[in-house]
Amino acid sequence: MKLVTGDEVVVLQGKDKGKKGNLEKVFPKKNQVLVSGVNIYKKHVKRTGKVPGGITDIIKPLHIAKVALVCPKCNLATKTAVAVLNGKKVRVCKKCKQEI
């Protein structure tokens, strides 16, 4: 998995196509990611104890194939490659060849 929590991504498919957001959480076993501000749904919650009920917004996960990493240097959706610099593995943008 080449995406890490905190990366900026753009949505490629679905109702939120074209929206950008940061990764909140990555679920590698399910191949899913949570993107802030994207794929928001309403949920009706019943009152329990002191917690009030009502309609709340929840963020549902997206499949990892529906998002692409945005390169901070060229500001475009890109794929990544792995390169070894100074004995360390780093991600490299395939479009501008800069370290991410």
N, C-alpha and C. Protein backbone atom coordinates (compact mmCIF):
# COMPACT_ATOMS: atom_id res chain seq x y z
N MET A 1 0.84 -1.17 0.00
CA MET A 1 0.00 0.00 0.00
C MET A 1 0.89 1.24 0.00
N LYS A 2 0.68 2.11 -0.95
CA LYS A 2 1.55 3.27 -1.13
C LYS A 2 0.99 4.55 -0.55
N LEU A 3 -0.16 4.48 0.10
CA LEU A 3 -0.75 5.66 0.72
C LEU A 3 -0.57 5.59 2.23
N VAL A 4 -0.33 6.77 2.82
CA VAL A 4 -0.06 6.86 4.25
C VAL A 4 -1.02 7.89 4.85
N THR A 5 -1.38 7.72 6.11
CA THR A 5 -2.24 8.68 6.79
C THR A 5 -1.64 10.07 6.70
N GLY A 6 -2.46 11.05 6.32
CA GLY A 6 -2.00 12.42 6.19
C GLY A 6 -1.73 12.85 4.76
N ASP A 7 -1.68 11.90 3.83
CA ASP A 7 -1.47 12.23 2.42
C ASP A 7 -2.69 12.96 1.85
N GLU A 8 -2.45 13.87 0.91
CA GLU A 8 -3.56 14.51 0.21
C GLU A 8 -3.89 13.68 -1.01
N VAL A 9 -5.18 13.36 -1.17
CA VAL A 9 -5.62 12.53 -2.29
C VAL A 9 -6.78 13.20 -3.01
N VAL A 10 -7.03 12.76 -4.24
CA VAL A 10 -8.16 13.23 -5.02
C VAL A 10 -9.02 12.00 -5.35
N VAL A 11 -10.34 12.18 -5.33
CA VAL A 11 -11.27 11.08 -5.62
C VAL A 11 -11.43 10.96 -7.13
N LEU A 12 -11.31 9.74 -7.66
CA LEU A 12 -11.37 9.50 -9.10
C LEU A 12 -12.75 9.05 -9.57
N GLN A 13 -13.54 8.42 -8.70
CA GLN A 13 -14.84 7.87 -9.09
C GLN A 13 -15.87 8.15 -8.01
N GLY A 14 -17.13 8.08 -8.41
CA GLY A 14 -18.22 8.17 -7.44
C GLY A 14 -18.83 9.55 -7.37
N LYS A 15 -19.69 9.74 -6.37
CA LYS A 15 -20.45 10.98 -6.23
C LYS A 15 -19.56 12.17 -5.87
N ASP A 16 -18.40 11.93 -5.30
CA ASP A 16 -17.48 13.00 -4.90
C ASP A 16 -16.29 13.12 -5.84
N LYS A 17 -16.45 12.73 -7.09
CA LYS A 17 -15.36 12.75 -8.06
C LYS A 17 -14.77 14.15 -8.18
N GLY A 18 -13.44 14.25 -8.10
CA GLY A 18 -12.75 15.52 -8.23
C GLY A 18 -12.45 16.21 -6.91
N LYS A 19 -13.05 15.78 -5.82
CA LYS A 19 -12.82 16.41 -4.52
C LYS A 19 -11.48 15.96 -3.94
N LYS A 20 -10.83 16.89 -3.23
CA LYS A 20 -9.57 16.58 -2.58
C LYS A 20 -9.77 16.54 -1.07
N GLY A 21 -8.95 15.75 -0.41
CA GLY A 21 -9.00 15.65 1.04
C GLY A 21 -7.79 14.92 1.57
N ASN A 22 -7.60 14.96 2.87
CA ASN A 22 -6.48 14.26 3.50
C ASN A 22 -6.95 12.91 4.03
N LEU A 23 -6.04 11.95 4.01
CA LEU A 23 -6.36 10.63 4.53
C LEU A 23 -6.39 10.67 6.05
N GLU A 24 -7.51 10.25 6.63
CA GLU A 24 -7.63 10.18 8.08
C GLU A 24 -7.17 8.83 8.59
N LYS A 25 -7.52 7.78 7.87
CA LYS A 25 -7.17 6.44 8.31
C LYS A 25 -7.06 5.52 7.10
N VAL A 26 -6.18 4.53 7.19
CA VAL A 26 -5.98 3.56 6.11
C VAL A 26 -6.26 2.17 6.67
N PHE A 27 -7.07 1.40 5.95
CA PHE A 27 -7.38 0.02 6.33
C PHE A 27 -6.74 -0.92 5.30
N PRO A 28 -5.48 -1.33 5.50
CA PRO A 28 -4.78 -2.11 4.47
C PRO A 28 -5.38 -3.49 4.21
N LYS A 29 -5.94 -4.13 5.23
CA LYS A 29 -6.50 -5.47 5.01
C LYS A 29 -7.78 -5.43 4.18
N LYS A 30 -8.54 -4.32 4.29
CA LYS A 30 -9.78 -4.19 3.53
C LYS A 30 -9.58 -3.40 2.24
N ASN A 31 -8.36 -2.86 2.00
CA ASN A 31 -8.08 -1.99 0.85
C ASN A 31 -9.00 -0.79 0.81
N GLN A 32 -9.18 -0.14 1.97
CA GLN A 32 -10.06 1.01 2.06
C GLN A 32 -9.36 2.15 2.79
N VAL A 33 -9.83 3.38 2.52
CA VAL A 33 -9.28 4.56 3.17
C VAL A 33 -10.42 5.50 3.58
N LEU A 34 -10.20 6.27 4.66
CA LEU A 34 -11.13 7.31 5.07
C LEU A 34 -10.54 8.64 4.63
N VAL A 35 -11.29 9.40 3.85
CA VAL A 35 -10.84 10.70 3.36
C VAL A 35 -11.71 11.77 4.01
N SER A 36 -11.07 12.77 4.61
CA SER A 36 -11.83 13.82 5.30
C SER A 36 -12.64 14.66 4.31
N GLY A 37 -13.91 14.87 4.63
CA GLY A 37 -14.79 15.69 3.81
C GLY A 37 -15.34 15.03 2.57
N VAL A 38 -15.13 13.73 2.42
CA VAL A 38 -15.57 13.00 1.23
C VAL A 38 -16.37 11.78 1.66
N ASN A 39 -17.38 11.41 0.86
CA ASN A 39 -18.22 10.23 1.10
C ASN A 39 -18.96 10.34 2.44
N ILE A 40 -19.61 11.48 2.64
CA ILE A 40 -20.33 11.75 3.89
C ILE A 40 -21.79 11.33 3.74
N TYR A 41 -22.29 10.61 4.72
CA TYR A 41 -23.66 10.14 4.74
C TYR A 41 -24.33 10.58 6.04
N LYS A 42 -25.66 10.62 6.03
CA LYS A 42 -26.45 10.96 7.22
C LYS A 42 -26.83 9.67 7.93
N LYS A 43 -26.82 9.71 9.26
CA LYS A 43 -27.24 8.56 10.05
C LYS A 43 -28.18 9.04 11.15
N HIS A 44 -29.31 8.36 11.29
CA HIS A 44 -30.27 8.68 12.34
C HIS A 44 -29.86 7.92 13.60
N VAL A 45 -29.63 8.66 14.68
CA VAL A 45 -29.15 8.08 15.93
C VAL A 45 -30.21 8.26 17.00
N LYS A 46 -30.48 7.18 17.72
CA LYS A 46 -31.47 7.22 18.79
C LYS A 46 -30.80 7.70 20.08
N ARG A 47 -31.54 8.40 20.89
CA ARG A 47 -31.00 8.90 22.15
C ARG A 47 -30.69 7.73 23.08
N THR A 48 -29.50 7.75 23.69
CA THR A 48 -29.13 6.74 24.68
C THR A 48 -28.53 7.45 25.88
N GLY A 49 -29.19 7.36 27.01
CA GLY A 49 -28.70 8.01 28.22
C GLY A 49 -28.68 9.52 28.07
N LYS A 50 -27.52 10.12 28.29
CA LYS A 50 -27.38 11.57 28.19
C LYS A 50 -27.00 12.02 26.78
N VAL A 51 -26.68 11.08 25.92
CA VAL A 51 -26.30 11.44 24.54
C VAL A 51 -27.57 11.73 23.75
N PRO A 52 -27.69 12.95 23.19
CA PRO A 52 -28.91 13.28 22.45
C PRO A 52 -28.99 12.54 21.11
N GLY A 53 -30.20 12.31 20.67
CA GLY A 53 -30.41 11.68 19.38
C GLY A 53 -30.46 12.73 18.29
N GLY A 54 -30.66 12.27 17.07
CA GLY A 54 -30.76 13.20 15.95
C GLY A 54 -30.10 12.63 14.71
N ILE A 55 -29.88 13.49 13.75
CA ILE A 55 -29.25 13.09 12.50
C ILE A 55 -27.80 13.56 12.52
N THR A 56 -26.87 12.62 12.37
CA THR A 56 -25.44 12.96 12.40
C THR A 56 -24.81 12.61 11.06
N ASP A 57 -23.71 13.28 10.76
CA ASP A 57 -22.93 12.98 9.56
C ASP A 57 -21.85 11.97 9.89
N ILE A 58 -21.71 10.94 9.05
CA ILE A 58 -20.63 9.98 9.23
C ILE A 58 -19.85 9.89 7.92
N ILE A 59 -18.56 9.59 8.05
CA ILE A 59 -17.71 9.42 6.88
C ILE A 59 -17.53 7.92 6.65
N LYS A 60 -17.88 7.47 5.46
CA LYS A 60 -17.72 6.06 5.12
C LYS A 60 -16.44 5.88 4.32
N PRO A 61 -15.79 4.72 4.45
CA PRO A 61 -14.54 4.49 3.72
C PRO A 61 -14.76 4.30 2.22
N LEU A 62 -13.72 4.64 1.46
CA LEU A 62 -13.69 4.44 0.01
C LEU A 62 -12.70 3.34 -0.31
N HIS A 63 -12.92 2.67 -1.44
CA HIS A 63 -11.94 1.69 -1.90
C HIS A 63 -10.69 2.43 -2.36
N ILE A 64 -9.55 1.84 -2.14
CA ILE A 64 -8.28 2.51 -2.42
C ILE A 64 -8.08 2.79 -3.91
N ALA A 65 -8.75 2.01 -4.78
CA ALA A 65 -8.61 2.22 -6.22
C ALA A 65 -9.35 3.47 -6.68
N LYS A 66 -10.23 4.02 -5.85
CA LYS A 66 -11.00 5.20 -6.23
C LYS A 66 -10.32 6.50 -5.85
N VAL A 67 -9.12 6.45 -5.26
CA VAL A 67 -8.39 7.66 -4.91
C VAL A 67 -6.99 7.63 -5.51
N ALA A 68 -6.43 8.81 -5.73
CA ALA A 68 -5.07 8.93 -6.24
C ALA A 68 -4.33 9.97 -5.42
N LEU A 69 -3.06 9.72 -5.19
CA LEU A 69 -2.23 10.63 -4.42
C LEU A 69 -1.98 11.91 -5.21
N VAL A 70 -2.02 13.05 -4.51
CA VAL A 70 -1.72 14.34 -5.13
C VAL A 70 -0.29 14.71 -4.74
N CYS A 71 0.56 14.93 -5.75
CA CYS A 71 1.95 15.29 -5.52
C CYS A 71 2.01 16.71 -4.97
N PRO A 72 2.70 16.94 -3.85
CA PRO A 72 2.77 18.29 -3.30
C PRO A 72 3.59 19.25 -4.16
N LYS A 73 4.48 18.73 -5.00
CA LYS A 73 5.33 19.59 -5.83
C LYS A 73 4.60 20.06 -7.09
N CYS A 74 4.04 19.11 -7.87
CA CYS A 74 3.39 19.46 -9.14
C CYS A 74 1.88 19.63 -9.01
N ASN A 75 1.31 19.28 -7.85
CA ASN A 75 -0.12 19.44 -7.55
C ASN A 75 -1.02 18.69 -8.54
N LEU A 76 -0.58 17.52 -8.99
CA LEU A 76 -1.35 16.68 -9.89
C LEU A 76 -1.54 15.30 -9.28
N ALA A 77 -2.63 14.62 -9.67
CA ALA A 77 -2.83 13.24 -9.24
C ALA A 77 -1.78 12.38 -9.93
N THR A 78 -1.10 11.55 -9.17
CA THR A 78 0.02 10.81 -9.72
C THR A 78 0.14 9.43 -9.09
N LYS A 79 0.88 8.58 -9.77
CA LYS A 79 1.29 7.30 -9.21
C LYS A 79 2.65 7.50 -8.57
N THR A 80 3.05 6.56 -7.72
CA THR A 80 4.33 6.69 -7.05
C THR A 80 5.24 5.52 -7.38
N ALA A 81 6.52 5.79 -7.30
CA ALA A 81 7.54 4.76 -7.43
C ALA A 81 8.37 4.78 -6.15
N VAL A 82 9.09 3.71 -5.91
CA VAL A 82 9.95 3.64 -4.73
C VAL A 82 11.39 3.74 -5.18
N ALA A 83 12.14 4.65 -4.58
CA ALA A 83 13.55 4.83 -4.90
C ALA A 83 14.35 4.79 -3.60
N VAL A 84 15.62 4.45 -3.72
CA VAL A 84 16.49 4.40 -2.56
C VAL A 84 17.41 5.62 -2.60
N LEU A 85 17.29 6.51 -1.61
CA LEU A 85 18.13 7.69 -1.49
C LEU A 85 18.81 7.66 -0.13
N ASN A 86 20.14 7.73 -0.13
CA ASN A 86 20.93 7.71 1.11
C ASN A 86 20.62 6.48 1.96
N GLY A 87 20.41 5.34 1.32
CA GLY A 87 20.13 4.10 2.04
C GLY A 87 18.74 4.01 2.62
N LYS A 88 17.83 4.89 2.20
CA LYS A 88 16.48 4.93 2.71
C LYS A 88 15.49 4.83 1.56
N LYS A 89 14.42 4.05 1.73
CA LYS A 89 13.38 3.97 0.71
C LYS A 89 12.46 5.17 0.82
N VAL A 90 12.21 5.84 -0.32
CA VAL A 90 11.33 6.99 -0.34
C VAL A 90 10.38 6.88 -1.53
N ARG A 91 9.22 7.55 -1.42
CA ARG A 91 8.27 7.59 -2.53
C ARG A 91 8.64 8.72 -3.47
N VAL A 92 8.51 8.45 -4.78
CA VAL A 92 8.87 9.42 -5.80
C VAL A 92 7.69 9.59 -6.75
N CYS A 93 7.37 10.83 -7.10
CA CYS A 93 6.31 11.13 -8.06
C CYS A 93 6.77 10.70 -9.44
N LYS A 94 5.92 9.97 -10.17
CA LYS A 94 6.31 9.51 -11.49
C LYS A 94 6.22 10.60 -12.55
N LYS A 95 5.50 11.70 -12.25
CA LYS A 95 5.36 12.78 -13.23
C LYS A 95 6.52 13.78 -13.16
N CYS A 96 6.85 14.22 -11.93
CA CYS A 96 7.88 15.25 -11.80
C CYS A 96 9.19 14.71 -11.22
N LYS A 97 9.23 13.43 -10.89
CA LYS A 97 10.43 12.76 -10.37
C LYS A 97 10.96 13.35 -9.07
N GLN A 98 10.10 13.99 -8.27
CA GLN A 98 10.50 14.57 -6.99
C GLN A 98 10.07 13.67 -5.84
N GLU A 99 10.81 13.74 -4.76
CA GLU A 99 10.49 12.95 -3.56
C GLU A 99 9.22 13.49 -2.91
N ILE A 100 8.36 12.56 -2.48
CA ILE A 100 7.11 12.95 -1.81
C ILE A 100 7.32 12.90 -0.31
